[in-house]
Amino acid sequence: MKKSLALLALALAAATLAGAAPSTPPPPDAAPGPPARRAPAELSFYNDGTVLLFQKQWAGAQKQFEAALAINEAFAEAHNNLAYVLRKQGEANYARALEHYDRALALKPKLAEAYMYRGTLHALAGRAELARADYDTLVRLKSKLAPHLKKVIDTGREEEPEQFYGVMKKRKA
């Protein structure tokens, strides 16, 4: 018995040293070439949140955007959309929404959507001078969203029925 085990160990060692190939082929995903492209998990949560946003399911969308940000805090568009759904849930959420608009803009200073909706938040909260500053930035960026923010500033309310000007839609990997 000891002799059989010794011979088996010797055979395994020799096969290893000789670089013997495995007896079974590698699985298909281990084949040479570029790895299969998969969307990062945060995009899945982000896209699900966007679907809920367009269905005006604010609380459900909020959870999805928060999940995306838990994975990737530097996801500017998720901050923007989270801020939007927070704002749509009422004035009690304005301060938190503002934090997310500001974070989105810190990450992407030319993200016109965040200026549009941060300006809307300022206008609705009675901070016209801050709303106008965001409007001026949209004009400098030559954004098509500028006239829509101007309308909110002038009227003090958003358009009805609900418009989703510039809310970032689904993203691909």
Protein backbone atom coordinates (compact mmCIF):
# COMPACT_ATOMS: atom_id res chain seq x y z
CA MET A 1 0.00 0.00 0.00
CA LYS A 2 2.79 2.40 0.94
CA LYS A 3 4.57 1.50 -2.27
CA SER A 4 1.41 2.33 -4.34
CA LEU A 5 1.01 5.72 -2.64
CA ALA A 6 4.67 6.52 -3.20
CA LEU A 7 4.39 5.64 -6.89
CA LEU A 8 1.24 7.79 -7.23
CA ALA A 9 2.94 10.74 -5.56
CA LEU A 10 5.98 10.30 -7.79
CA ALA A 11 3.77 10.18 -10.91
CA LEU A 12 1.93 13.35 -9.88
CA ALA A 13 5.17 15.16 -9.19
CA ALA A 14 6.62 14.11 -12.53
CA ALA A 15 3.48 15.25 -14.38
CA THR A 16 3.59 18.61 -12.63
CA LEU A 17 7.28 19.13 -13.40
CA ALA A 18 6.76 18.11 -17.02
CA GLY A 19 4.00 20.70 -17.41
CA ALA A 20 1.35 18.15 -18.21
CA ALA A 21 -1.86 19.60 -19.59
CA PRO A 22 -5.05 19.16 -17.61
CA SER A 23 -7.13 16.16 -18.57
CA THR A 24 -10.21 18.29 -19.27
CA PRO A 25 -10.36 21.36 -21.48
CA PRO A 26 -10.78 24.75 -19.80
CA PRO A 27 -14.31 26.10 -19.51
CA PRO A 28 -15.45 28.39 -22.35
CA ASP A 29 -15.13 31.56 -20.24
CA ALA A 30 -11.46 30.76 -19.62
CA ALA A 31 -10.73 30.73 -23.34
CA PRO A 32 -8.14 33.22 -24.59
CA GLY A 33 -9.34 36.61 -25.72
CA PRO A 34 -11.12 39.53 -24.08
CA PRO A 35 -13.46 38.74 -21.18
CA ALA A 36 -17.19 38.88 -21.77
CA ARG A 37 -18.50 42.39 -21.22
CA ARG A 38 -20.91 42.73 -18.33
CA ALA A 39 -22.62 45.80 -17.03
CA PRO A 40 -21.39 46.82 -13.60
CA ALA A 41 -23.89 46.19 -10.82
CA GLU A 42 -24.38 49.91 -10.22
CA LEU A 43 -25.71 50.29 -13.77
CA SER A 44 -28.34 47.65 -13.14
CA PHE A 45 -29.57 49.50 -10.04
CA TYR A 46 -29.33 52.85 -11.87
CA ASN A 47 -31.33 51.61 -14.86
CA ASP A 48 -33.99 50.03 -12.62
CA GLY A 49 -34.23 53.32 -10.74
CA THR A 50 -34.66 55.23 -13.97
CA VAL A 51 -37.54 52.99 -15.02
CA LEU A 52 -39.23 53.67 -11.67
CA LEU A 53 -38.51 57.39 -11.98
CA PHE A 54 -40.35 57.57 -15.30
CA GLN A 55 -43.23 55.70 -13.66
CA LYS A 56 -43.19 58.36 -10.91
CA GLN A 57 -42.49 55.74 -8.27
CA TRP A 58 -40.24 58.10 -6.36
CA ALA A 59 -39.54 55.99 -3.24
CA GLY A 60 -38.73 52.86 -5.25
CA ALA A 61 -36.47 54.84 -7.57
CA GLN A 62 -34.76 56.37 -4.55
CA LYS A 63 -33.83 52.91 -3.23
CA GLN A 64 -32.37 51.89 -6.59
CA PHE A 65 -30.25 55.03 -6.95
CA GLU A 66 -29.05 54.68 -3.36
CA ALA A 67 -28.04 51.08 -4.13
CA ALA A 68 -26.11 52.23 -7.21
CA LEU A 69 -24.30 54.84 -5.12
CA ALA A 70 -23.50 52.31 -2.40
CA ILE A 71 -21.50 50.46 -5.05
CA ASN A 72 -20.06 53.49 -6.84
CA GLU A 73 -20.24 56.76 -4.93
CA ALA A 74 -18.61 58.61 -7.84
CA PHE A 75 -21.58 57.99 -10.19
CA ALA A 76 -22.62 61.57 -10.97
CA GLU A 77 -25.77 60.69 -12.90
CA ALA A 78 -27.02 58.52 -10.03
CA HIS A 79 -26.52 61.47 -7.64
CA ASN A 80 -28.49 63.68 -10.05
CA ASN A 81 -31.38 61.24 -10.40
CA LEU A 82 -31.44 60.52 -6.66
CA ALA A 83 -31.65 64.26 -6.00
CA TYR A 84 -34.53 64.51 -8.48
CA VAL A 85 -36.61 61.77 -6.83
CA LEU A 86 -35.86 63.14 -3.36
CA ARG A 87 -37.05 66.58 -4.46
CA LYS A 88 -40.21 65.10 -5.95
CA GLN A 89 -41.03 63.57 -2.55
CA GLY A 90 -41.46 66.98 -0.95
CA GLU A 91 -39.83 69.96 0.71
CA ALA A 92 -38.65 67.88 3.66
CA ASN A 93 -36.15 66.30 1.24
CA TYR A 94 -34.86 69.51 -0.37
CA ALA A 95 -31.69 69.76 1.74
CA ARG A 96 -30.70 66.18 0.99
CA ALA A 97 -31.56 66.63 -2.70
CA LEU A 98 -29.34 69.71 -2.82
CA GLU A 99 -26.43 67.71 -1.38
CA HIS A 100 -26.79 65.18 -4.20
CA TYR A 101 -27.07 67.84 -6.92
CA ASP A 102 -23.93 69.46 -5.53
CA ARG A 103 -22.11 66.11 -5.44
CA ALA A 104 -23.15 65.35 -9.03
CA LEU A 105 -21.72 68.70 -10.13
CA ALA A 106 -18.52 68.21 -8.14
CA LEU A 107 -18.04 64.95 -10.03
CA LYS A 108 -19.13 66.30 -13.44
CA PRO A 109 -19.03 70.11 -13.58
CA LYS A 110 -20.67 70.19 -17.03
CA LEU A 111 -23.63 67.95 -16.15
CA ALA A 112 -26.38 70.23 -17.45
CA GLU A 113 -29.17 68.09 -16.00
CA ALA A 114 -27.93 68.74 -12.48
CA TYR A 115 -27.89 72.52 -13.06
CA MET A 116 -31.41 72.34 -14.48
CA TYR A 117 -32.87 70.52 -11.52
CA ARG A 118 -30.79 72.20 -8.85
CA GLY A 119 -31.98 75.51 -10.29
CA THR A 120 -35.55 74.21 -10.16
CA LEU A 121 -35.08 73.24 -6.51
CA HIS A 122 -33.73 76.73 -5.75
CA ALA A 123 -36.64 78.38 -7.57
CA LEU A 124 -39.22 76.26 -5.75
CA ALA A 125 -37.52 77.01 -2.42
CA GLY A 126 -37.66 80.76 -3.07
CA ARG A 127 -33.94 81.19 -3.72
CA ALA A 128 -34.26 83.01 -7.04
CA GLU A 129 -30.68 84.33 -7.11
CA LEU A 130 -29.27 80.80 -6.87
CA ALA A 131 -31.74 79.56 -9.49
CA ARG A 132 -30.60 82.36 -11.82
CA ALA A 133 -26.95 81.39 -11.26
CA ASP A 134 -27.75 77.85 -12.42
CA TYR A 135 -29.66 79.31 -15.38
CA ASP A 136 -26.63 81.44 -16.31
CA THR A 137 -24.44 78.33 -16.17
CA LEU A 138 -26.82 76.49 -18.51
CA VAL A 139 -26.64 79.43 -20.92
CA ARG A 140 -22.81 79.33 -20.80
CA LEU A 141 -22.94 75.57 -21.46
CA LYS A 142 -25.27 76.26 -24.41
CA SER A 143 -27.71 73.75 -22.95
CA LYS A 144 -31.18 73.26 -24.41
CA LEU A 145 -32.36 73.02 -20.79
CA ALA A 146 -31.81 76.74 -20.11
CA PRO A 147 -35.24 77.92 -21.39
CA HIS A 148 -36.98 75.27 -19.30
CA LEU A 149 -35.26 76.44 -16.13
CA LYS A 150 -36.06 80.05 -17.06
CA LYS A 151 -39.73 79.12 -17.26
CA VAL A 152 -39.61 77.58 -13.76
CA ILE A 153 -37.87 80.70 -12.43
CA ASP A 154 -40.44 82.99 -14.07
CA THR A 155 -43.52 81.02 -12.99
CA GLY A 156 -42.33 79.56 -9.69
CA ARG A 157 -43.57 76.08 -10.63
CA GLU A 158 -42.72 73.13 -12.81
CA GLU A 159 -44.58 72.33 -15.98
CA GLU A 160 -47.64 70.14 -15.85
CA PRO A 161 -47.95 67.38 -16.86
CA GLU A 162 -44.62 66.21 -15.46
CA GLN A 163 -41.69 66.74 -17.80
CA PHE A 164 -38.42 64.87 -17.45
CA TYR A 165 -36.16 67.37 -19.16
CA GLY A 166 -32.67 66.07 -19.06
CA VAL A 167 -33.16 63.41 -16.40
CA MET A 168 -30.42 60.95 -17.23
CA LYS A 169 -31.91 57.86 -18.84
CA LYS A 170 -30.63 54.29 -18.89
CA ARG A 171 -26.93 53.86 -19.36
CA LYS A 172 -24.94 51.10 -20.99
CA ALA A 173 -21.67 49.68 -19.77
